[in-house]
Amino acid sequence: MASPTASQKTVSDDDEIDYSVKPEFYDPKLDNKDELWVQKERKDRDSDAVLTCPACFTTLCLECQRHEKYLTQYRAIFVVNCKIKINQVLRPSNQKPKTSNKRGRDRGGVDEVGVSTKETFKPVCCVVCSTEVGVIDDDEIYHFFNVLPSES
């Protein structure tokens, strides 16, 4: 059996690590710094939750209001890390749900921009991973339904 080459030898980094020095990535004051940043961004306004993307955990909203009836939905005016799909328009369906649609997931028809209806919405996605997280209405109010809320 031939001896291993240099690229095949296993070298342990544990022998080279100095455990008496604290790691550079640890900052015991970081939580306090983060809290001050959030307070500055909110300008001391209350929020029902901090909303994040369910796929990549990117922060989407620091100030929102929970829906009174649908407790997993939120609305907001100021958002971060969101992009609007301007080439799609969603319209609520005025028809009763079809019998073939057993789960009731019909959100309305998707048309090209320019269709005139009373109430239209545009899809809103996470800017990082493109997961659809909600919609924006004609009054520029964001309605989030696919987000992870956390205590504010």
N, C-alpha and C. Protein backbone atom coordinates (compact mmCIF):
# COMPACT_ATOMS: atom_id res chain seq x y z
N MET A 1 0.84 -1.17 0.00
CA MET A 1 0.00 0.00 0.00
C MET A 1 0.89 1.24 0.00
N ALA A 2 0.60 2.17 -0.87
CA ALA A 2 1.40 3.38 -1.00
C ALA A 2 1.04 4.37 0.10
N SER A 3 2.01 5.19 0.48
CA SER A 3 1.75 6.19 1.52
C SER A 3 0.92 7.33 0.94
N PRO A 4 0.08 7.99 1.77
CA PRO A 4 -0.79 9.05 1.25
C PRO A 4 0.01 10.26 0.80
N THR A 5 -0.52 10.91 -0.22
CA THR A 5 0.12 12.13 -0.72
C THR A 5 -0.25 13.30 0.20
N ALA A 6 0.34 14.45 -0.04
CA ALA A 6 0.10 15.62 0.81
C ALA A 6 -1.38 16.03 0.80
N SER A 7 -2.05 15.90 -0.35
CA SER A 7 -3.45 16.29 -0.43
C SER A 7 -4.37 15.29 0.26
N GLN A 8 -3.88 14.06 0.49
CA GLN A 8 -4.69 13.04 1.13
C GLN A 8 -4.51 13.00 2.64
N LYS A 9 -3.49 13.66 3.17
CA LYS A 9 -3.25 13.66 4.60
C LYS A 9 -4.31 14.50 5.31
N THR A 10 -4.78 14.00 6.42
CA THR A 10 -5.74 14.74 7.22
C THR A 10 -5.00 15.54 8.27
N VAL A 11 -5.23 16.84 8.28
CA VAL A 11 -4.58 17.72 9.23
C VAL A 11 -5.65 18.30 10.13
N SER A 12 -5.45 18.24 11.42
CA SER A 12 -6.41 18.77 12.37
C SER A 12 -6.08 20.21 12.70
N ASP A 13 -7.07 21.08 12.60
CA ASP A 13 -6.89 22.48 12.96
C ASP A 13 -6.96 22.68 14.48
N ASP A 14 -7.44 21.68 15.22
CA ASP A 14 -7.57 21.82 16.67
C ASP A 14 -6.22 22.11 17.33
N ASP A 15 -5.15 21.61 16.76
CA ASP A 15 -3.83 21.84 17.35
C ASP A 15 -3.39 23.29 17.17
N GLU A 16 -3.98 23.98 16.20
CA GLU A 16 -3.56 25.35 15.90
C GLU A 16 -4.46 26.41 16.55
N ILE A 17 -5.57 26.02 17.17
CA ILE A 17 -6.52 26.97 17.75
C ILE A 17 -6.10 27.32 19.17
N ASP A 18 -6.08 28.61 19.46
CA ASP A 18 -5.77 29.09 20.80
C ASP A 18 -7.09 29.35 21.52
N TYR A 19 -7.49 28.46 22.42
CA TYR A 19 -8.77 28.56 23.10
C TYR A 19 -8.75 29.58 24.25
N SER A 20 -7.61 30.15 24.56
CA SER A 20 -7.56 31.15 25.62
C SER A 20 -8.05 32.51 25.15
N VAL A 21 -8.18 32.70 23.85
CA VAL A 21 -8.65 33.97 23.28
C VAL A 21 -10.12 33.80 22.88
N LYS A 22 -10.96 34.80 23.24
CA LYS A 22 -12.38 34.74 22.87
C LYS A 22 -12.52 34.86 21.35
N PRO A 23 -13.47 34.15 20.75
CA PRO A 23 -13.67 34.23 19.30
C PRO A 23 -14.03 35.65 18.87
N GLU A 24 -13.61 36.04 17.68
CA GLU A 24 -13.88 37.37 17.15
C GLU A 24 -15.36 37.61 16.88
N PHE A 25 -16.10 36.58 16.59
CA PHE A 25 -17.50 36.73 16.22
C PHE A 25 -18.43 36.86 17.42
N TYR A 26 -17.92 36.81 18.62
CA TYR A 26 -18.75 36.93 19.81
C TYR A 26 -18.71 38.36 20.32
N ASP A 27 -19.88 38.97 20.49
CA ASP A 27 -19.98 40.33 21.02
C ASP A 27 -21.08 40.33 22.08
N PRO A 28 -20.72 40.40 23.35
CA PRO A 28 -21.74 40.36 24.41
C PRO A 28 -22.65 41.58 24.41
N LYS A 29 -22.26 42.66 23.73
CA LYS A 29 -23.05 43.88 23.69
C LYS A 29 -23.94 43.96 22.45
N LEU A 30 -23.91 42.94 21.61
CA LEU A 30 -24.63 42.99 20.34
C LEU A 30 -26.14 43.09 20.51
N ASP A 31 -26.73 42.38 21.47
CA ASP A 31 -28.18 42.45 21.69
C ASP A 31 -28.61 43.87 22.02
N ASN A 32 -27.84 44.55 22.85
CA ASN A 32 -28.18 45.93 23.21
C ASN A 32 -28.07 46.85 21.99
N LYS A 33 -27.06 46.64 21.17
CA LYS A 33 -26.90 47.44 19.95
C LYS A 33 -28.07 47.21 19.00
N ASP A 34 -28.49 45.95 18.85
CA ASP A 34 -29.61 45.62 17.97
C ASP A 34 -30.91 46.25 18.48
N GLU A 35 -31.12 46.21 19.78
CA GLU A 35 -32.33 46.79 20.37
C GLU A 35 -32.38 48.30 20.14
N LEU A 36 -31.26 48.98 20.28
CA LEU A 36 -31.22 50.42 20.02
C LEU A 36 -31.51 50.74 18.56
N TRP A 37 -31.00 49.90 17.65
CA TRP A 37 -31.25 50.10 16.22
C TRP A 37 -32.74 49.96 15.92
N VAL A 38 -33.39 48.93 16.47
CA VAL A 38 -34.82 48.71 16.22
C VAL A 38 -35.64 49.87 16.78
N GLN A 39 -35.32 50.33 17.98
CA GLN A 39 -36.05 51.46 18.56
C GLN A 39 -35.90 52.72 17.70
N LYS A 40 -34.71 52.93 17.16
CA LYS A 40 -34.46 54.09 16.30
C LYS A 40 -35.28 53.97 15.01
N GLU A 41 -35.33 52.79 14.42
CA GLU A 41 -36.08 52.58 13.19
C GLU A 41 -37.58 52.75 13.39
N ARG A 42 -38.09 52.29 14.52
CA ARG A 42 -39.52 52.37 14.80
C ARG A 42 -39.95 53.75 15.28
N LYS A 43 -39.03 54.53 15.77
CA LYS A 43 -39.33 55.86 16.33
C LYS A 43 -40.36 55.76 17.45
N ASP A 44 -40.18 54.77 18.32
CA ASP A 44 -41.02 54.53 19.50
C ASP A 44 -42.48 54.25 19.18
N ARG A 45 -42.78 53.75 17.98
CA ARG A 45 -44.14 53.34 17.64
C ARG A 45 -44.30 51.86 17.97
N ASP A 46 -45.51 51.49 18.34
CA ASP A 46 -45.78 50.09 18.67
C ASP A 46 -46.01 49.25 17.41
N SER A 47 -45.76 47.98 17.56
CA SER A 47 -46.00 47.03 16.48
C SER A 47 -46.53 45.74 17.08
N ASP A 48 -47.38 45.06 16.34
CA ASP A 48 -47.90 43.78 16.82
C ASP A 48 -46.89 42.65 16.64
N ALA A 49 -45.95 42.82 15.71
CA ALA A 49 -44.95 41.78 15.47
C ALA A 49 -43.83 42.31 14.58
N VAL A 50 -42.75 41.58 14.55
CA VAL A 50 -41.69 41.77 13.56
C VAL A 50 -41.86 40.63 12.57
N LEU A 51 -41.99 40.94 11.29
CA LEU A 51 -42.28 39.92 10.28
C LEU A 51 -41.02 39.54 9.53
N THR A 52 -40.84 38.22 9.34
CA THR A 52 -39.69 37.72 8.59
C THR A 52 -40.16 36.75 7.52
N CYS A 53 -39.31 36.56 6.53
CA CYS A 53 -39.60 35.63 5.44
C CYS A 53 -39.57 34.20 5.99
N PRO A 54 -40.54 33.37 5.62
CA PRO A 54 -40.57 32.00 6.13
C PRO A 54 -39.50 31.10 5.52
N ALA A 55 -38.90 31.52 4.41
CA ALA A 55 -37.92 30.67 3.74
C ALA A 55 -36.49 31.00 4.16
N CYS A 56 -36.17 32.31 4.25
CA CYS A 56 -34.77 32.68 4.53
C CYS A 56 -34.61 33.51 5.79
N PHE A 57 -35.70 33.79 6.50
CA PHE A 57 -35.69 34.53 7.76
C PHE A 57 -35.20 35.97 7.63
N THR A 58 -35.31 36.56 6.45
CA THR A 58 -34.96 37.96 6.25
C THR A 58 -36.05 38.83 6.85
N THR A 59 -35.68 39.89 7.55
CA THR A 59 -36.65 40.81 8.13
C THR A 59 -37.39 41.54 7.02
N LEU A 60 -38.73 41.57 7.12
CA LEU A 60 -39.56 42.21 6.11
C LEU A 60 -40.28 43.45 6.64
N CYS A 61 -40.58 43.45 7.93
CA CYS A 61 -41.35 44.55 8.49
C CYS A 61 -41.11 44.65 9.99
N LEU A 62 -40.86 45.87 10.46
CA LEU A 62 -40.65 46.11 11.89
C LEU A 62 -41.89 46.70 12.55
N GLU A 63 -42.80 47.23 11.75
CA GLU A 63 -43.98 47.88 12.29
C GLU A 63 -45.21 47.44 11.50
N CYS A 64 -46.08 46.67 12.13
CA CYS A 64 -47.26 46.16 11.43
C CYS A 64 -48.44 46.05 12.39
N GLN A 65 -49.60 45.80 11.81
CA GLN A 65 -50.82 45.63 12.58
C GLN A 65 -51.42 44.28 12.23
N ARG A 66 -51.78 43.52 13.25
CA ARG A 66 -52.38 42.20 13.05
C ARG A 66 -53.84 42.35 12.61
N HIS A 67 -54.26 41.48 11.71
CA HIS A 67 -55.64 41.48 11.23
C HIS A 67 -56.56 41.07 12.37
N GLU A 68 -57.71 41.73 12.49
CA GLU A 68 -58.63 41.43 13.59
C GLU A 68 -59.27 40.05 13.48
N LYS A 69 -59.59 39.65 12.26
CA LYS A 69 -60.28 38.37 12.06
C LYS A 69 -59.32 37.24 11.75
N TYR A 70 -58.37 37.47 10.83
CA TYR A 70 -57.42 36.45 10.41
C TYR A 70 -56.11 36.68 11.16
N LEU A 71 -55.89 35.96 12.23
CA LEU A 71 -54.80 36.24 13.14
C LEU A 71 -53.41 35.95 12.59
N THR A 72 -53.32 35.27 11.46
CA THR A 72 -52.01 35.01 10.85
C THR A 72 -51.69 36.01 9.74
N GLN A 73 -52.53 37.04 9.59
CA GLN A 73 -52.31 38.04 8.56
C GLN A 73 -52.00 39.39 9.20
N TYR A 74 -51.19 40.18 8.50
CA TYR A 74 -50.75 41.48 9.01
C TYR A 74 -50.82 42.50 7.89
N ARG A 75 -50.92 43.78 8.26
CA ARG A 75 -50.85 44.85 7.28
C ARG A 75 -49.83 45.87 7.73
N ALA A 76 -49.22 46.52 6.74
CA ALA A 76 -48.15 47.47 7.05
C ALA A 76 -48.03 48.49 5.93
N ILE A 77 -47.39 49.59 6.27
CA ILE A 77 -47.12 50.63 5.28
C ILE A 77 -45.62 50.67 4.97
N PHE A 78 -44.80 50.54 6.00
CA PHE A 78 -43.35 50.62 5.84
C PHE A 78 -42.75 49.22 5.91
N VAL A 79 -42.06 48.82 4.86
CA VAL A 79 -41.46 47.48 4.80
C VAL A 79 -40.01 47.59 4.35
N VAL A 80 -39.28 46.52 4.54
CA VAL A 80 -37.90 46.42 4.06
C VAL A 80 -37.74 45.07 3.38
N ASN A 81 -36.79 44.97 2.49
CA ASN A 81 -36.45 43.71 1.82
C ASN A 81 -37.62 43.07 1.09
N CYS A 82 -38.50 43.90 0.53
CA CYS A 82 -39.65 43.41 -0.24
C CYS A 82 -39.57 43.96 -1.66
N LYS A 83 -40.01 43.14 -2.60
CA LYS A 83 -40.12 43.62 -3.98
C LYS A 83 -41.53 43.30 -4.48
N ILE A 84 -42.03 44.20 -5.30
CA ILE A 84 -43.39 44.07 -5.84
C ILE A 84 -43.29 43.53 -7.25
N LYS A 85 -44.09 42.53 -7.56
CA LYS A 85 -44.16 42.01 -8.93
C LYS A 85 -45.11 42.91 -9.70
N ILE A 86 -44.54 43.90 -10.36
CA ILE A 86 -45.35 44.92 -11.02
C ILE A 86 -46.03 44.42 -12.29
N ASN A 87 -45.57 43.30 -12.82
CA ASN A 87 -46.15 42.78 -14.06
C ASN A 87 -47.34 41.86 -13.82
N GLN A 88 -47.74 41.65 -12.56
CA GLN A 88 -48.89 40.80 -12.25
C GLN A 88 -49.90 41.58 -11.42
N VAL A 89 -51.17 41.32 -11.67
CA VAL A 89 -52.24 41.91 -10.89
C VAL A 89 -53.15 40.79 -10.43
N LEU A 90 -53.43 40.76 -9.13
CA LEU A 90 -54.34 39.77 -8.57
C LEU A 90 -55.66 40.46 -8.27
N ARG A 91 -56.73 39.82 -8.65
CA ARG A 91 -58.06 40.37 -8.36
C ARG A 91 -58.83 39.37 -7.53
N PRO A 92 -59.51 39.82 -6.47
CA PRO A 92 -60.34 38.90 -5.70
C PRO A 92 -61.45 38.33 -6.56
N SER A 93 -61.72 37.08 -6.39
CA SER A 93 -62.77 36.43 -7.16
C SER A 93 -64.12 36.76 -6.56
N ASN A 94 -65.05 37.24 -7.38
CA ASN A 94 -66.40 37.56 -6.91
C ASN A 94 -67.32 36.35 -7.01
N GLN A 95 -66.81 35.28 -7.60
CA GLN A 95 -67.61 34.08 -7.76
C GLN A 95 -67.46 33.20 -6.53
N LYS A 96 -68.46 32.34 -6.32
CA LYS A 96 -68.36 31.36 -5.24
C LYS A 96 -67.28 30.36 -5.60
N PRO A 97 -66.61 29.78 -4.59
CA PRO A 97 -65.56 28.80 -4.89
C PRO A 97 -66.10 27.63 -5.71
N LYS A 98 -65.30 27.18 -6.65
CA LYS A 98 -65.67 26.06 -7.49
C LYS A 98 -65.67 24.79 -6.66
N THR A 99 -66.51 23.83 -7.06
CA THR A 99 -66.58 22.58 -6.30
C THR A 99 -65.29 21.77 -6.44
N SER A 100 -64.56 22.00 -7.53
CA SER A 100 -63.31 21.25 -7.71
C SER A 100 -62.20 21.82 -6.85
N ASN A 101 -62.36 23.04 -6.35
CA ASN A 101 -61.35 23.66 -5.50
C ASN A 101 -61.68 23.36 -4.04
N LYS A 102 -61.33 22.18 -3.58
CA LYS A 102 -61.72 21.71 -2.26
C LYS A 102 -61.04 22.45 -1.13
N ARG A 103 -59.85 22.98 -1.38
CA ARG A 103 -59.11 23.63 -0.30
C ARG A 103 -59.37 25.12 -0.23
N GLY A 104 -60.10 25.68 -1.16
CA GLY A 104 -60.43 27.10 -1.12
C GLY A 104 -59.24 28.03 -1.25
N ARG A 105 -58.29 27.68 -2.09
CA ARG A 105 -57.07 28.48 -2.21
C ARG A 105 -57.12 29.45 -3.38
N ASP A 106 -58.25 29.68 -3.96
CA ASP A 106 -58.35 30.58 -5.11
C ASP A 106 -58.17 32.01 -4.63
N ARG A 107 -57.10 32.68 -5.07
CA ARG A 107 -56.83 34.05 -4.65
C ARG A 107 -57.31 35.04 -5.70
N GLY A 108 -57.91 34.59 -6.74
CA GLY A 108 -58.34 35.50 -7.79
C GLY A 108 -57.50 35.27 -9.04
N GLY A 109 -57.91 35.92 -10.11
CA GLY A 109 -57.22 35.75 -11.38
C GLY A 109 -55.98 36.61 -11.48
N VAL A 110 -55.02 36.15 -12.25
CA VAL A 110 -53.80 36.91 -12.50
C VAL A 110 -53.84 37.41 -13.94
N ASP A 111 -53.74 38.72 -14.09
CA ASP A 111 -53.79 39.33 -15.41
C ASP A 111 -52.59 40.25 -15.60
N GLU A 112 -52.39 40.70 -16.82
CA GLU A 112 -51.34 41.68 -17.09
C GLU A 112 -51.78 43.03 -16.53
N VAL A 113 -50.82 43.90 -16.29
CA VAL A 113 -51.11 45.23 -15.78
C VAL A 113 -51.96 45.99 -16.79
N GLY A 114 -52.89 46.78 -16.28
CA GLY A 114 -53.75 47.56 -17.16
C GLY A 114 -55.20 47.14 -17.08
N VAL A 115 -55.50 46.04 -16.42
CA VAL A 115 -56.88 45.60 -16.25
C VAL A 115 -57.52 46.44 -15.17
N SER A 116 -58.66 47.02 -15.46
CA SER A 116 -59.31 47.88 -14.48
C SER A 116 -60.39 47.12 -13.73
N THR A 117 -60.25 47.08 -12.42
CA THR A 117 -61.26 46.52 -11.53
C THR A 117 -61.33 47.40 -10.31
N LYS A 118 -62.31 47.18 -9.47
CA LYS A 118 -62.44 48.01 -8.28
C LYS A 118 -61.28 47.79 -7.31
N GLU A 119 -60.93 46.57 -7.06
CA GLU A 119 -59.89 46.26 -6.08
C GLU A 119 -58.86 45.32 -6.70
N THR A 120 -57.62 45.77 -6.76
CA THR A 120 -56.57 44.93 -7.32
C THR A 120 -55.40 44.88 -6.35
N PHE A 121 -54.63 43.82 -6.45
CA PHE A 121 -53.46 43.60 -5.62
C PHE A 121 -52.30 43.16 -6.50
N LYS A 122 -51.09 43.46 -6.05
CA LYS A 122 -49.89 42.98 -6.72
C LYS A 122 -49.12 42.11 -5.74
N PRO A 123 -48.57 41.00 -6.21
CA PRO A 123 -47.82 40.12 -5.32
C PRO A 123 -46.56 40.81 -4.77
N VAL A 124 -46.22 40.49 -3.53
CA VAL A 124 -45.02 41.01 -2.87
C VAL A 124 -44.15 39.81 -2.51
N CYS A 125 -42.86 39.91 -2.83
CA CYS A 125 -41.92 38.81 -2.59
C CYS A 125 -40.74 39.29 -1.75
N CYS A 126 -40.10 38.34 -1.11
CA CYS A 126 -38.86 38.60 -0.39
C CYS A 126 -37.78 38.92 -1.42
N VAL A 127 -37.02 39.99 -1.19
CA VAL A 127 -35.99 40.41 -2.13
C VAL A 127 -34.80 39.44 -2.14
N VAL A 128 -34.62 38.69 -1.07
CA VAL A 128 -33.48 37.77 -0.97
C VAL A 128 -33.75 36.45 -1.68
N CYS A 129 -34.91 35.82 -1.39
CA CYS A 129 -35.15 34.47 -1.92
C CYS A 129 -36.36 34.39 -2.86
N SER A 130 -37.07 35.49 -3.08
CA SER A 130 -38.22 35.58 -3.99
C SER A 130 -39.44 34.79 -3.54
N THR A 131 -39.53 34.45 -2.27
CA THR A 131 -40.73 33.79 -1.75
C THR A 131 -41.87 34.80 -1.68
N GLU A 132 -43.04 34.42 -2.18
CA GLU A 132 -44.20 35.33 -2.10
C GLU A 132 -44.67 35.39 -0.65
N VAL A 133 -44.71 36.60 -0.10
CA VAL A 133 -45.04 36.79 1.30
C VAL A 133 -46.35 37.54 1.52
N GLY A 134 -46.89 38.15 0.47
CA GLY A 134 -48.13 38.90 0.62
C GLY A 134 -48.48 39.64 -0.65
N VAL A 135 -49.29 40.69 -0.49
CA VAL A 135 -49.73 41.52 -1.61
C VAL A 135 -49.71 42.97 -1.18
N ILE A 136 -49.76 43.87 -2.17
CA ILE A 136 -49.92 45.30 -1.93
C ILE A 136 -51.15 45.75 -2.67
N ASP A 137 -51.97 46.59 -2.02
CA ASP A 137 -53.21 47.04 -2.66
C ASP A 137 -53.00 48.39 -3.35
N ASP A 138 -54.07 48.93 -3.91
CA ASP A 138 -54.00 50.19 -4.64
C ASP A 138 -53.67 51.38 -3.74
N ASP A 139 -53.95 51.26 -2.46
CA ASP A 139 -53.64 52.32 -1.49
C ASP A 139 -52.22 52.19 -0.94
N GLU A 140 -51.42 51.30 -1.51
CA GLU A 140 -50.04 51.03 -1.11
C GLU A 140 -49.93 50.53 0.32
N ILE A 141 -50.89 49.71 0.71
CA ILE A 141 -50.84 49.03 2.00
C ILE A 141 -50.46 47.58 1.73
N TYR A 142 -49.46 47.11 2.44
CA TYR A 142 -49.00 45.74 2.30
C TYR A 142 -49.84 44.83 3.18
N HIS A 143 -50.24 43.70 2.62
CA HIS A 143 -50.99 42.69 3.36
C HIS A 143 -50.16 41.41 3.35
N PHE A 144 -49.62 41.06 4.50
CA PHE A 144 -48.76 39.88 4.62
C PHE A 144 -49.57 38.69 5.10
N PHE A 145 -49.41 37.55 4.43
CA PHE A 145 -50.10 36.33 4.84
C PHE A 145 -49.17 35.12 4.89
N ASN A 146 -47.97 35.24 4.35
CA ASN A 146 -47.03 34.13 4.34
C ASN A 146 -45.72 34.60 4.99
N VAL A 147 -45.79 34.87 6.29
CA VAL A 147 -44.64 35.39 7.03
C VAL A 147 -44.53 34.71 8.38
N LEU A 148 -43.38 34.87 9.00
CA LEU A 148 -43.18 34.40 10.37
C LEU A 148 -43.18 35.61 11.29
N PRO A 149 -44.17 35.71 12.19
CA PRO A 149 -44.17 36.82 13.13
C PRO A 149 -43.36 36.48 14.38
N SER A 150 -42.75 37.48 14.95
CA SER A 150 -42.07 37.29 16.22
C SER A 150 -42.44 38.44 17.14
N GLU A 151 -42.21 38.25 18.43
CA GLU A 151 -42.56 39.28 19.39
C GLU A 151 -41.81 40.56 19.09
N SER A 152 -42.51 41.67 19.23
CA SER A 152 -41.86 42.95 18.95
C SER A 152 -41.40 43.62 20.22
